[in-house]
Amino acid sequence: MATTVFEWVISQLNCAVESEGLPDVINVIHWRYNATQEHDGKIYFADTYGSSSVAQPNPQNFIPYADVTEAEVIGWLEEILPVEAMQLALENNI
């Protein structure tokens, strides 16, 4: 069986100028989740996309928009989305 490689692409972040006293709060993540697989020298591709709302952050560990890393955003997505089900669906599409 061929190995499937999955990759997140963060397309856009929506940000509130102020929310509950915190500045520059990310509130929506626009994303794509790609899957590629090579089989017999051919590369197959499938993807899914969407946008996900992000809960109001805890003031104790809040990270303003300018300081957020891609890895942190991906971590948030992996906490709120059914990643295993998404991977299975993408593999089935391939």
N, C-alpha and C. Protein backbone atom coordinates (compact mmCIF):
# COMPACT_ATOMS: atom_id res chain seq x y z
N MET A 1 0.84 -1.19 0.00
CA MET A 1 0.00 0.00 0.00
C MET A 1 0.88 1.24 0.00
N ALA A 2 0.52 2.22 -0.78
CA ALA A 2 1.27 3.47 -0.88
C ALA A 2 1.07 4.32 0.36
N THR A 3 2.09 5.12 0.66
CA THR A 3 2.02 6.02 1.80
C THR A 3 1.36 7.32 1.38
N THR A 4 0.44 7.78 2.19
CA THR A 4 -0.23 9.05 1.93
C THR A 4 0.41 10.13 2.78
N VAL A 5 0.71 11.26 2.16
CA VAL A 5 1.28 12.40 2.87
C VAL A 5 0.19 13.46 3.01
N PHE A 6 -0.02 13.92 4.23
CA PHE A 6 -1.04 14.94 4.50
C PHE A 6 -0.36 16.26 4.83
N GLU A 7 -1.00 17.35 4.41
CA GLU A 7 -0.42 18.68 4.64
C GLU A 7 -1.51 19.71 4.87
N TRP A 8 -1.34 20.52 5.89
CA TRP A 8 -2.23 21.65 6.16
C TRP A 8 -1.74 22.86 5.36
N VAL A 9 -2.69 23.63 4.86
CA VAL A 9 -2.40 24.93 4.26
C VAL A 9 -3.35 25.93 4.92
N ILE A 10 -2.78 26.91 5.57
CA ILE A 10 -3.60 27.95 6.21
C ILE A 10 -3.75 29.08 5.19
N SER A 11 -4.97 29.28 4.71
CA SER A 11 -5.24 30.25 3.65
C SER A 11 -5.41 31.67 4.18
N GLN A 12 -6.07 31.77 5.33
CA GLN A 12 -6.39 33.09 5.86
C GLN A 12 -6.78 32.96 7.32
N LEU A 13 -6.50 34.01 8.08
CA LEU A 13 -6.95 34.11 9.47
C LEU A 13 -7.80 35.36 9.61
N ASN A 14 -9.00 35.22 10.15
CA ASN A 14 -9.81 36.40 10.47
C ASN A 14 -9.49 36.79 11.90
N CYS A 15 -9.48 38.08 12.14
CA CYS A 15 -9.05 38.58 13.43
C CYS A 15 -9.98 39.71 13.88
N ALA A 16 -10.37 39.65 15.15
CA ALA A 16 -11.14 40.75 15.74
C ALA A 16 -10.14 41.76 16.30
N VAL A 17 -10.39 43.03 16.07
CA VAL A 17 -9.49 44.06 16.57
C VAL A 17 -9.40 44.01 18.09
N GLU A 18 -10.53 43.70 18.73
CA GLU A 18 -10.58 43.59 20.19
C GLU A 18 -11.70 42.64 20.55
N SER A 19 -11.46 41.78 21.51
CA SER A 19 -12.49 40.87 21.98
C SER A 19 -12.29 40.61 23.46
N GLU A 20 -13.29 40.97 24.24
CA GLU A 20 -13.26 40.81 25.69
C GLU A 20 -11.97 41.34 26.31
N GLY A 21 -11.55 42.52 25.82
CA GLY A 21 -10.38 43.19 26.36
C GLY A 21 -9.05 42.74 25.79
N LEU A 22 -9.05 41.75 24.91
CA LEU A 22 -7.81 41.27 24.30
C LEU A 22 -7.69 41.84 22.89
N PRO A 23 -6.48 42.25 22.49
CA PRO A 23 -6.31 42.83 21.15
C PRO A 23 -5.98 41.75 20.11
N ASP A 24 -6.41 41.99 18.86
CA ASP A 24 -6.01 41.16 17.72
C ASP A 24 -6.25 39.67 17.96
N VAL A 25 -7.51 39.31 18.18
CA VAL A 25 -7.90 37.94 18.51
C VAL A 25 -8.31 37.19 17.24
N ILE A 26 -7.63 36.09 16.94
CA ILE A 26 -8.01 35.25 15.80
C ILE A 26 -9.32 34.57 16.15
N ASN A 27 -10.29 34.68 15.23
CA ASN A 27 -11.59 34.07 15.51
C ASN A 27 -12.06 33.08 14.43
N VAL A 28 -11.44 33.11 13.24
CA VAL A 28 -11.78 32.15 12.18
C VAL A 28 -10.50 31.77 11.43
N ILE A 29 -10.36 30.47 11.17
CA ILE A 29 -9.23 29.96 10.39
C ILE A 29 -9.78 29.39 9.09
N HIS A 30 -9.27 29.85 7.96
CA HIS A 30 -9.60 29.30 6.65
C HIS A 30 -8.47 28.36 6.27
N TRP A 31 -8.80 27.11 5.93
CA TRP A 31 -7.77 26.08 5.77
C TRP A 31 -8.05 25.15 4.60
N ARG A 32 -7.01 24.45 4.19
CA ARG A 32 -7.08 23.33 3.24
C ARG A 32 -6.30 22.19 3.89
N TYR A 33 -6.74 20.97 3.61
CA TYR A 33 -6.02 19.78 4.08
C TYR A 33 -5.80 18.91 2.86
N ASN A 34 -4.54 18.76 2.46
CA ASN A 34 -4.17 18.07 1.23
C ASN A 34 -3.65 16.67 1.53
N ALA A 35 -3.88 15.77 0.59
CA ALA A 35 -3.33 14.42 0.65
C ALA A 35 -2.71 14.10 -0.70
N THR A 36 -1.48 13.58 -0.68
CA THR A 36 -0.84 13.12 -1.91
C THR A 36 -0.35 11.70 -1.70
N GLN A 37 -0.35 10.97 -2.80
CA GLN A 37 0.05 9.57 -2.75
C GLN A 37 0.69 9.22 -4.09
N GLU A 38 1.85 8.57 -4.05
CA GLU A 38 2.51 8.14 -5.28
C GLU A 38 2.28 6.64 -5.44
N HIS A 39 1.89 6.27 -6.65
CA HIS A 39 1.64 4.85 -6.95
C HIS A 39 2.03 4.59 -8.39
N ASP A 40 2.95 3.67 -8.60
CA ASP A 40 3.44 3.32 -9.95
C ASP A 40 3.92 4.55 -10.71
N GLY A 41 4.65 5.43 -10.03
CA GLY A 41 5.21 6.60 -10.68
C GLY A 41 4.25 7.74 -10.92
N LYS A 42 3.01 7.57 -10.55
CA LYS A 42 2.02 8.64 -10.70
C LYS A 42 1.69 9.22 -9.33
N ILE A 43 1.44 10.51 -9.30
CA ILE A 43 1.07 11.17 -8.04
C ILE A 43 -0.41 11.48 -8.07
N TYR A 44 -1.10 11.07 -7.02
CA TYR A 44 -2.53 11.31 -6.87
C TYR A 44 -2.74 12.32 -5.75
N PHE A 45 -3.77 13.14 -5.90
CA PHE A 45 -4.00 14.26 -4.99
C PHE A 45 -5.49 14.37 -4.65
N ALA A 46 -5.76 14.68 -3.42
CA ALA A 46 -7.12 15.01 -2.98
C ALA A 46 -7.01 16.08 -1.91
N ASP A 47 -8.02 16.90 -1.78
CA ASP A 47 -7.99 17.89 -0.71
C ASP A 47 -9.40 18.20 -0.24
N THR A 48 -9.45 18.82 0.90
CA THR A 48 -10.69 19.32 1.45
C THR A 48 -10.38 20.71 2.02
N TYR A 49 -11.39 21.52 2.13
CA TYR A 49 -11.15 22.86 2.64
C TYR A 49 -12.34 23.31 3.47
N GLY A 50 -12.10 24.33 4.25
CA GLY A 50 -13.18 24.87 5.06
C GLY A 50 -12.70 26.04 5.90
N SER A 51 -13.57 26.46 6.77
CA SER A 51 -13.22 27.49 7.74
C SER A 51 -13.76 27.03 9.09
N SER A 52 -13.00 27.34 10.11
CA SER A 52 -13.38 26.91 11.46
C SER A 52 -13.29 28.08 12.42
N SER A 53 -14.32 28.22 13.23
CA SER A 53 -14.32 29.24 14.26
C SER A 53 -13.42 28.81 15.41
N VAL A 54 -12.79 29.77 16.02
CA VAL A 54 -11.91 29.52 17.15
C VAL A 54 -12.56 30.13 18.39
N ALA A 55 -12.56 29.38 19.48
CA ALA A 55 -13.15 29.87 20.73
C ALA A 55 -12.36 31.06 21.27
N GLN A 56 -13.03 31.85 22.07
CA GLN A 56 -12.38 32.98 22.74
C GLN A 56 -11.20 32.44 23.55
N PRO A 57 -10.00 33.00 23.39
CA PRO A 57 -8.83 32.48 24.10
C PRO A 57 -8.86 32.78 25.59
N ASN A 58 -8.14 31.97 26.31
CA ASN A 58 -7.93 32.18 27.74
C ASN A 58 -6.92 33.32 27.89
N PRO A 59 -7.23 34.36 28.65
CA PRO A 59 -6.29 35.48 28.81
C PRO A 59 -4.93 35.06 29.37
N GLN A 60 -4.87 33.95 30.12
CA GLN A 60 -3.60 33.49 30.71
C GLN A 60 -2.61 33.00 29.66
N ASN A 61 -3.10 32.43 28.54
CA ASN A 61 -2.16 31.93 27.53
C ASN A 61 -2.47 32.50 26.14
N PHE A 62 -3.01 33.69 26.10
CA PHE A 62 -3.38 34.36 24.86
C PHE A 62 -2.15 34.73 24.04
N ILE A 63 -2.25 34.50 22.72
CA ILE A 63 -1.19 34.87 21.78
C ILE A 63 -1.81 35.82 20.76
N PRO A 64 -1.32 37.06 20.67
CA PRO A 64 -1.86 38.00 19.68
C PRO A 64 -1.56 37.54 18.26
N TYR A 65 -2.37 37.97 17.34
CA TYR A 65 -2.26 37.60 15.93
C TYR A 65 -0.82 37.68 15.41
N ALA A 66 -0.12 38.77 15.67
CA ALA A 66 1.22 38.98 15.12
C ALA A 66 2.24 37.95 15.63
N ASP A 67 1.94 37.30 16.76
CA ASP A 67 2.89 36.37 17.36
C ASP A 67 2.54 34.90 17.16
N VAL A 68 1.41 34.62 16.55
CA VAL A 68 0.96 33.24 16.36
C VAL A 68 1.75 32.58 15.24
N THR A 69 2.18 31.34 15.47
CA THR A 69 2.90 30.59 14.44
C THR A 69 1.94 29.68 13.68
N GLU A 70 2.36 29.26 12.50
CA GLU A 70 1.56 28.32 11.72
C GLU A 70 1.35 27.03 12.50
N ALA A 71 2.38 26.56 13.19
CA ALA A 71 2.27 25.33 13.97
C ALA A 71 1.20 25.45 15.06
N GLU A 72 1.09 26.61 15.69
CA GLU A 72 0.05 26.81 16.71
C GLU A 72 -1.34 26.77 16.08
N VAL A 73 -1.51 27.40 14.92
CA VAL A 73 -2.80 27.41 14.24
C VAL A 73 -3.19 25.98 13.85
N ILE A 74 -2.24 25.22 13.33
CA ILE A 74 -2.50 23.83 12.96
C ILE A 74 -2.88 23.03 14.20
N GLY A 75 -2.22 23.27 15.32
CA GLY A 75 -2.57 22.60 16.57
C GLY A 75 -4.01 22.89 16.98
N TRP A 76 -4.44 24.13 16.82
CA TRP A 76 -5.83 24.48 17.14
C TRP A 76 -6.79 23.70 16.24
N LEU A 77 -6.48 23.64 14.94
CA LEU A 77 -7.34 22.91 14.02
C LEU A 77 -7.42 21.43 14.39
N GLU A 78 -6.27 20.86 14.74
CA GLU A 78 -6.26 19.43 15.06
C GLU A 78 -7.00 19.12 16.36
N GLU A 79 -7.20 20.13 17.20
CA GLU A 79 -8.01 19.94 18.41
C GLU A 79 -9.50 19.99 18.12
N ILE A 80 -9.92 20.74 17.09
CA ILE A 80 -11.35 20.94 16.87
C ILE A 80 -11.92 20.19 15.68
N LEU A 81 -11.06 19.66 14.79
CA LEU A 81 -11.55 18.96 13.60
C LEU A 81 -11.33 17.45 13.73
N PRO A 82 -12.15 16.65 13.05
CA PRO A 82 -12.00 15.18 13.08
C PRO A 82 -10.93 14.73 12.08
N VAL A 83 -9.68 14.93 12.43
CA VAL A 83 -8.57 14.73 11.50
C VAL A 83 -8.52 13.29 10.97
N GLU A 84 -8.69 12.30 11.82
CA GLU A 84 -8.64 10.91 11.35
C GLU A 84 -9.72 10.63 10.30
N ALA A 85 -10.91 11.12 10.52
CA ALA A 85 -12.00 10.94 9.55
C ALA A 85 -11.69 11.69 8.26
N MET A 86 -11.09 12.85 8.36
CA MET A 86 -10.70 13.61 7.17
C MET A 86 -9.65 12.85 6.37
N GLN A 87 -8.68 12.26 7.06
CA GLN A 87 -7.64 11.50 6.38
C GLN A 87 -8.22 10.30 5.66
N LEU A 88 -9.11 9.60 6.31
CA LEU A 88 -9.76 8.44 5.70
C LEU A 88 -10.55 8.85 4.45
N ALA A 89 -11.29 9.94 4.53
CA ALA A 89 -12.05 10.43 3.38
C ALA A 89 -11.14 10.83 2.22
N LEU A 90 -10.03 11.47 2.54
CA LEU A 90 -9.08 11.87 1.49
C LEU A 90 -8.45 10.65 0.84
N GLU A 91 -8.06 9.67 1.65
CA GLU A 91 -7.49 8.44 1.09
C GLU A 91 -8.50 7.71 0.21
N ASN A 92 -9.75 7.72 0.61
CA ASN A 92 -10.79 7.09 -0.21
C ASN A 92 -10.98 7.82 -1.53
N ASN A 93 -10.81 9.15 -1.52
CA ASN A 93 -10.91 9.93 -2.77
C ASN A 93 -9.77 9.61 -3.73
N ILE A 94 -8.61 9.34 -3.16
CA ILE A 94 -7.46 9.01 -4.00
C ILE A 94 -7.68 7.64 -4.60
